[in-house]
Amino acid sequence: MLRKIDRAAKVRGMTFVFRRPGGNHSIYDLDGHMVTIPNGSKVTRVECVYQQLQDKLGRGWWRE
């Protein structure tokens, strides 16, 4: 998931940077937009994170 977000950000000329760990999640910065990514890889969580990033990366960006 992180690799996919990083690639999409680079294609769009954005930065995707790890900021700090949390208890059950990690904090990342996507070109000024703080993103919380839960630890674990359940499908519902992954889709939720992808949808959070639509504002910056574009609608349906993960399907490209």
PDB file of N, CA and C in Angstrom:
ATOM      1  N   MET A   1       0.819  -1.186   0.000  1.00  0.00           N
ATOM      2  CA  MET A   1       0.000   0.000   0.000  1.00  0.00           C
ATOM      3  C   MET A   1       0.865   1.253   0.000  1.00  0.00           C
ATOM      4  N   LEU A   2       1.887   1.296   0.837  1.00  0.00           N
ATOM      5  CA  LEU A   2       2.747   2.482   0.915  1.00  0.00           C
ATOM      6  C   LEU A   2       3.489   2.716  -0.395  1.00  0.00           C
ATOM      7  N   ARG A   3       3.932   1.639  -1.019  1.00  0.00           N
ATOM      8  CA  ARG A   3       4.627   1.763  -2.300  1.00  0.00           C
ATOM      9  C   ARG A   3       3.706   2.347  -3.371  1.00  0.00           C
ATOM     10  N   LYS A   4       2.460   1.897  -3.352  1.00  0.00           N
ATOM     11  CA  LYS A   4       1.488   2.380  -4.334  1.00  0.00           C
ATOM     12  C   LYS A   4       1.226   3.873  -4.147  1.00  0.00           C
ATOM     13  N   ILE A   5       1.086   4.308  -2.898  1.00  0.00           N
ATOM     14  CA  ILE A   5       0.863   5.726  -2.607  1.00  0.00           C
ATOM     15  C   ILE A   5       2.086   6.535  -3.020  1.00  0.00           C
ATOM     16  N   ASP A   6       3.273   6.029  -2.687  1.00  0.00           N
ATOM     17  CA  ASP A   6       4.512   6.734  -3.018  1.00  0.00           C
ATOM     18  C   ASP A   6       4.662   6.902  -4.530  1.00  0.00           C
ATOM     19  N   ARG A   7       4.386   5.841  -5.290  1.00  0.00           N
ATOM     20  CA  ARG A   7       4.486   5.924  -6.751  1.00  0.00           C
ATOM     21  C   ARG A   7       3.500   6.933  -7.327  1.00  0.00           C
ATOM     22  N   ALA A   8       2.265   6.906  -6.829  1.00  0.00           N
ATOM     23  CA  ALA A   8       1.239   7.832  -7.329  1.00  0.00           C
ATOM     24  C   ALA A   8       1.621   9.271  -7.014  1.00  0.00           C
ATOM     25  N   ALA A   9       2.201   9.491  -5.839  1.00  0.00           N
ATOM     26  CA  ALA A   9       2.627  10.843  -5.456  1.00  0.00           C
ATOM     27  C   ALA A   9       3.755  11.323  -6.366  1.00  0.00           C
ATOM     28  N   LYS A  10       4.728  10.458  -6.637  1.00  0.00           N
ATOM     29  CA  LYS A  10       5.859  10.843  -7.490  1.00  0.00           C
ATOM     30  C   LYS A  10       5.408  11.176  -8.907  1.00  0.00           C
ATOM     31  N   VAL A  11       4.476  10.397  -9.434  1.00  0.00           N
ATOM     32  CA  VAL A  11       3.960  10.647 -10.784  1.00  0.00           C
ATOM     33  C   VAL A  11       3.325  12.029 -10.864  1.00  0.00           C
ATOM     34  N   ARG A  12       2.706  12.462  -9.760  1.00  0.00           N
ATOM     35  CA  ARG A  12       2.023  13.751  -9.731  1.00  0.00           C
ATOM     36  C   ARG A  12       2.913  14.881  -9.206  1.00  0.00           C
ATOM     37  N   GLY A  13       4.180  14.569  -8.950  1.00  0.00           N
ATOM     38  CA  GLY A  13       5.127  15.583  -8.485  1.00  0.00           C
ATOM     39  C   GLY A  13       4.928  15.982  -7.032  1.00  0.00           C
ATOM     40  N   MET A  14       4.396  15.069  -6.228  1.00  0.00           N
ATOM     41  CA  MET A  14       4.147  15.343  -4.805  1.00  0.00           C
ATOM     42  C   MET A  14       5.132  14.567  -3.947  1.00  0.00           C
ATOM     43  N   THR A  15       5.212  14.955  -2.671  1.00  0.00           N
ATOM     44  CA  THR A  15       6.060  14.236  -1.729  1.00  0.00           C
ATOM     45  C   THR A  15       5.192  13.395  -0.806  1.00  0.00           C
ATOM     46  N   PHE A  16       5.700  12.232  -0.430  1.00  0.00           N
ATOM     47  CA  PHE A  16       5.035  11.341   0.519  1.00  0.00           C
ATOM     48  C   PHE A  16       6.088  10.946   1.536  1.00  0.00           C
ATOM     49  N   VAL A  17       5.980  11.479   2.776  1.00  0.00           N
ATOM     50  CA  VAL A  17       7.040  11.345   3.770  1.00  0.00           C
ATOM     51  C   VAL A  17       6.484  10.807   5.085  1.00  0.00           C
ATOM     52  N   PHE A  18       7.210   9.860   5.693  1.00  0.00           N
ATOM     53  CA  PHE A  18       6.865   9.358   7.018  1.00  0.00           C
ATOM     54  C   PHE A  18       7.168  10.440   8.044  1.00  0.00           C
ATOM     55  N   ARG A  19       6.239  10.719   8.941  1.00  0.00           N
ATOM     56  CA  ARG A  19       6.441  11.741   9.972  1.00  0.00           C
ATOM     57  C   ARG A  19       6.724  11.135  11.340  1.00  0.00           C
ATOM     58  N   ARG A  20       5.831  10.243  11.815  1.00  0.00           N
ATOM     59  CA  ARG A  20       6.056   9.661  13.139  1.00  0.00           C
ATOM     60  C   ARG A  20       5.184   8.428  13.327  1.00  0.00           C
ATOM     61  N   PRO A  21       5.611   7.532  14.207  1.00  0.00           N
ATOM     62  CA  PRO A  21       4.788   6.356  14.498  1.00  0.00           C
ATOM     63  C   PRO A  21       3.710   6.698  15.520  1.00  0.00           C
ATOM     64  N   GLY A  22       2.643   5.956  15.488  1.00  0.00           N
ATOM     65  CA  GLY A  22       1.594   6.071  16.489  1.00  0.00           C
ATOM     66  C   GLY A  22       1.384   4.697  17.108  1.00  0.00           C
ATOM     67  N   GLY A  23       0.453   4.583  18.030  1.00  0.00           N
ATOM     68  CA  GLY A  23       0.196   3.303  18.686  1.00  0.00           C
ATOM     69  C   GLY A  23      -0.328   2.252  17.721  1.00  0.00           C
ATOM     70  N   ASN A  24      -1.407   2.560  17.044  1.00  0.00           N
ATOM     71  CA  ASN A  24      -2.025   1.618  16.110  1.00  0.00           C
ATOM     72  C   ASN A  24      -1.955   2.089  14.665  1.00  0.00           C
ATOM     73  N   HIS A  25      -1.217   3.153  14.433  1.00  0.00           N
ATOM     74  CA  HIS A  25      -1.122   3.713  13.090  1.00  0.00           C
ATOM     75  C   HIS A  25       0.176   4.500  12.952  1.00  0.00           C
ATOM     76  N   SER A  26       0.490   4.873  11.734  1.00  0.00           N
ATOM     77  CA  SER A  26       1.656   5.717  11.459  1.00  0.00           C
ATOM     78  C   SER A  26       1.171   6.980  10.764  1.00  0.00           C
ATOM     79  N   ILE A  27       1.894   8.075  10.969  1.00  0.00           N
ATOM     80  CA  ILE A  27       1.524   9.358  10.390  1.00  0.00           C
ATOM     81  C   ILE A  27       2.444   9.654   9.203  1.00  0.00           C
ATOM     82  N   TYR A  28       1.841   9.963   8.066  1.00  0.00           N
ATOM     83  CA  TYR A  28       2.576  10.325   6.860  1.00  0.00           C
ATOM     84  C   TYR A  28       2.112  11.696   6.395  1.00  0.00           C
ATOM     85  N   ASP A  29       2.947  12.339   5.606  1.00  0.00           N
ATOM     86  CA  ASP A  29       2.625  13.649   5.045  1.00  0.00           C
ATOM     87  C   ASP A  29       2.631  13.520   3.524  1.00  0.00           C
ATOM     88  N   LEU A  30       1.471  13.746   2.913  1.00  0.00           N
ATOM     89  CA  LEU A  30       1.359  13.716   1.464  1.00  0.00           C
ATOM     90  C   LEU A  30       1.220  15.139   0.978  1.00  0.00           C
ATOM     91  N   ASP A  31       2.340  15.743   0.653  1.00  0.00           N
ATOM     92  CA  ASP A  31       2.374  17.097   0.097  1.00  0.00           C
ATOM     93  C   ASP A  31       1.573  18.087   0.952  1.00  0.00           C
ATOM     94  N   GLY A  32       1.813  18.039   2.283  1.00  0.00           N
ATOM     95  CA  GLY A  32       1.151  18.963   3.202  1.00  0.00           C
ATOM     96  C   GLY A  32      -0.133  18.431   3.812  1.00  0.00           C
ATOM     97  N   HIS A  33      -0.611  17.276   3.373  1.00  0.00           N
ATOM     98  CA  HIS A  33      -1.844  16.668   3.888  1.00  0.00           C
ATOM     99  C   HIS A  33      -1.453  15.516   4.813  1.00  0.00           C
ATOM    100  N   MET A  34      -1.771  15.633   6.110  1.00  0.00           N
ATOM    101  CA  MET A  34      -1.415  14.586   7.065  1.00  0.00           C
ATOM    102  C   MET A  34      -2.331  13.382   6.884  1.00  0.00           C
ATOM    103  N   VAL A  35      -1.733  12.197   6.810  1.00  0.00           N
ATOM    104  CA  VAL A  35      -2.476  10.965   6.567  1.00  0.00           C
ATOM    105  C   VAL A  35      -2.139   9.963   7.655  1.00  0.00           C
ATOM    106  N   THR A  36      -3.158   9.362   8.263  1.00  0.00           N
ATOM    107  CA  THR A  36      -2.927   8.295   9.229  1.00  0.00           C
ATOM    108  C   THR A  36      -3.146   6.969   8.518  1.00  0.00           C
ATOM    109  N   ILE A  37      -2.166   6.087   8.631  1.00  0.00           N
ATOM    110  CA  ILE A  37      -2.255   4.780   8.000  1.00  0.00           C
ATOM    111  C   ILE A  37      -2.203   3.725   9.097  1.00  0.00           C
ATOM    112  N   PRO A  38      -3.296   2.958   9.251  1.00  0.00           N
ATOM    113  CA  PRO A  38      -3.353   1.960  10.315  1.00  0.00           C
ATOM    114  C   PRO A  38      -2.357   0.829  10.086  1.00  0.00           C
ATOM    115  N   ASN A  39      -1.868   0.273  11.185  1.00  0.00           N
ATOM    116  CA  ASN A  39      -1.001  -0.893  11.099  1.00  0.00           C
ATOM    117  C   ASN A  39      -1.887  -2.093  10.790  1.00  0.00           C
ATOM    118  N   GLY A  40      -1.449  -2.944   9.909  1.00  0.00           N
ATOM    119  CA  GLY A  40      -2.256  -4.075   9.463  1.00  0.00           C
ATOM    120  C   GLY A  40      -2.684  -3.841   8.033  1.00  0.00           C
ATOM    121  N   SER A  41      -3.237  -4.872   7.426  1.00  0.00           N
ATOM    122  CA  SER A  41      -3.543  -4.741   5.997  1.00  0.00           C
ATOM    123  C   SER A  41      -4.939  -5.236   5.643  1.00  0.00           C
ATOM    124  N   LYS A  42      -5.908  -5.035   6.515  1.00  0.00           N
ATOM    125  CA  LYS A  42      -7.270  -5.450   6.187  1.00  0.00           C
ATOM    126  C   LYS A  42      -7.776  -4.634   5.003  1.00  0.00           C
ATOM    127  N   VAL A  43      -8.509  -5.269   4.127  1.00  0.00           N
ATOM    128  CA  VAL A  43      -8.967  -4.635   2.891  1.00  0.00           C
ATOM    129  C   VAL A  43      -9.791  -3.386   3.170  1.00  0.00           C
ATOM    130  N   THR A  44     -10.660  -3.424   4.162  1.00  0.00           N
ATOM    131  CA  THR A  44     -11.501  -2.253   4.444  1.00  0.00           C
ATOM    132  C   THR A  44     -10.651  -1.068   4.870  1.00  0.00           C
ATOM    133  N   ARG A  45      -9.592  -1.323   5.614  1.00  0.00           N
ATOM    134  CA  ARG A  45      -8.699  -0.243   6.035  1.00  0.00           C
ATOM    135  C   ARG A  45      -7.948   0.340   4.850  1.00  0.00           C
ATOM    136  N   VAL A  46      -7.495  -0.514   3.970  1.00  0.00           N
ATOM    137  CA  VAL A  46      -6.741  -0.074   2.793  1.00  0.00           C
ATOM    138  C   VAL A  46      -7.615   0.819   1.923  1.00  0.00           C
ATOM    139  N   GLU A  47      -8.829   0.389   1.657  1.00  0.00           N
ATOM    140  CA  GLU A  47      -9.737   1.182   0.826  1.00  0.00           C
ATOM    141  C   GLU A  47     -10.058   2.517   1.479  1.00  0.00           C
ATOM    142  N   CYS A  48     -10.190   2.528   2.787  1.00  0.00           N
ATOM    143  CA  CYS A  48     -10.475   3.764   3.519  1.00  0.00           C
ATOM    144  C   CYS A  48      -9.316   4.752   3.364  1.00  0.00           C
ATOM    145  N   VAL A  49      -8.097   4.277   3.470  1.00  0.00           N
ATOM    146  CA  VAL A  49      -6.924   5.140   3.304  1.00  0.00           C
ATOM    147  C   VAL A  49      -6.866   5.666   1.873  1.00  0.00           C
ATOM    148  N   TYR A  50      -7.106   4.793   0.897  1.00  0.00           N
ATOM    149  CA  TYR A  50      -7.096   5.223  -0.501  1.00  0.00           C
ATOM    150  C   TYR A  50      -8.109   6.338  -0.730  1.00  0.00           C
ATOM    151  N   GLN A  51      -9.285   6.206  -0.145  1.00  0.00           N
ATOM    152  CA  GLN A  51     -10.324   7.223  -0.318  1.00  0.00           C
ATOM    153  C   GLN A  51      -9.947   8.530   0.360  1.00  0.00           C
ATOM    154  N   GLN A  52      -9.227   8.463   1.485  1.00  0.00           N
ATOM    155  CA  GLN A  52      -8.755   9.678   2.165  1.00  0.00           C
ATOM    156  C   GLN A  52      -7.853  10.505   1.248  1.00  0.00           C
ATOM    157  N   LEU A  53      -7.129   9.831   0.385  1.00  0.00           N
ATOM    158  CA  LEU A  53      -6.137  10.492  -0.455  1.00  0.00           C
ATOM    159  C   LEU A  53      -6.688  10.989  -1.792  1.00  0.00           C
ATOM    160  N   GLN A  54      -7.962  10.758  -2.042  1.00  0.00           N
ATOM    161  CA  GLN A  54      -8.567  11.187  -3.310  1.00  0.00           C
ATOM    162  C   GLN A  54      -8.475  12.689  -3.529  1.00  0.00           C
ATOM    163  N   ASP A  55      -8.566  13.475  -2.457  1.00  0.00           N
ATOM    164  CA  ASP A  55      -8.492  14.932  -2.600  1.00  0.00           C
ATOM    165  C   ASP A  55      -7.178  15.368  -3.241  1.00  0.00           C
ATOM    166  N   LYS A  56      -6.098  14.708  -2.865  1.00  0.00           N
ATOM    167  CA  LYS A  56      -4.772  15.081  -3.378  1.00  0.00           C
ATOM    168  C   LYS A  56      -4.409  14.351  -4.670  1.00  0.00           C
ATOM    169  N   LEU A  57      -4.709  13.052  -4.732  1.00  0.00           N
ATOM    170  CA  LEU A  57      -4.238  12.238  -5.853  1.00  0.00           C
ATOM    171  C   LEU A  57      -5.263  12.067  -6.974  1.00  0.00           C
ATOM    172  N   GLY A  58      -6.487  12.470  -6.733  1.00  0.00           N
ATOM    173  CA  GLY A  58      -7.525  12.357  -7.759  1.00  0.00           C
ATOM    174  C   GLY A  58      -8.457  11.185  -7.513  1.00  0.00           C
ATOM    175  N   ARG A  59      -9.662  11.333  -8.001  1.00  0.00           N
ATOM    176  CA  ARG A  59     -10.679  10.312  -7.787  1.00  0.00           C
ATOM    177  C   ARG A  59     -10.283   8.993  -8.452  1.00  0.00           C
ATOM    178  N   GLY A  60     -10.359   7.904  -7.691  1.00  0.00           N
ATOM    179  CA  GLY A  60     -10.049   6.581  -8.214  1.00  0.00           C
ATOM    180  C   GLY A  60      -8.592   6.358  -8.569  1.00  0.00           C
ATOM    181  N   TRP A  61      -7.684   7.117  -7.986  1.00  0.00           N
ATOM    182  CA  TRP A  61      -6.258   7.049  -8.335  1.00  0.00           C
ATOM    183  C   TRP A  61      -5.670   5.655  -8.150  1.00  0.00           C
ATOM    184  N   TRP A  62      -6.165   4.879  -7.211  1.00  0.00           N
ATOM    185  CA  TRP A  62      -5.589   3.564  -6.914  1.00  0.00           C
ATOM    186  C   TRP A  62      -5.934   2.532  -7.981  1.00  0.00           C
ATOM    187  N   ARG A  63      -6.876   2.840  -8.857  1.00  0.00           N
ATOM    188  CA  ARG A  63      -7.265   1.901  -9.912  1.00  0.00           C
ATOM    189  C   ARG A  63      -6.422   2.053 -11.175  1.00  0.00           C
ATOM    190  N   GLU A  64      -5.545   3.031 -11.207  1.00  0.00           N
ATOM    191  CA  GLU A  64      -4.727   3.296 -12.404  1.00  0.00           C
ATOM    192  C   GLU A  64      -3.742   2.191 -12.656  1.00  0.00           C
TER     193      GLU A  64
END
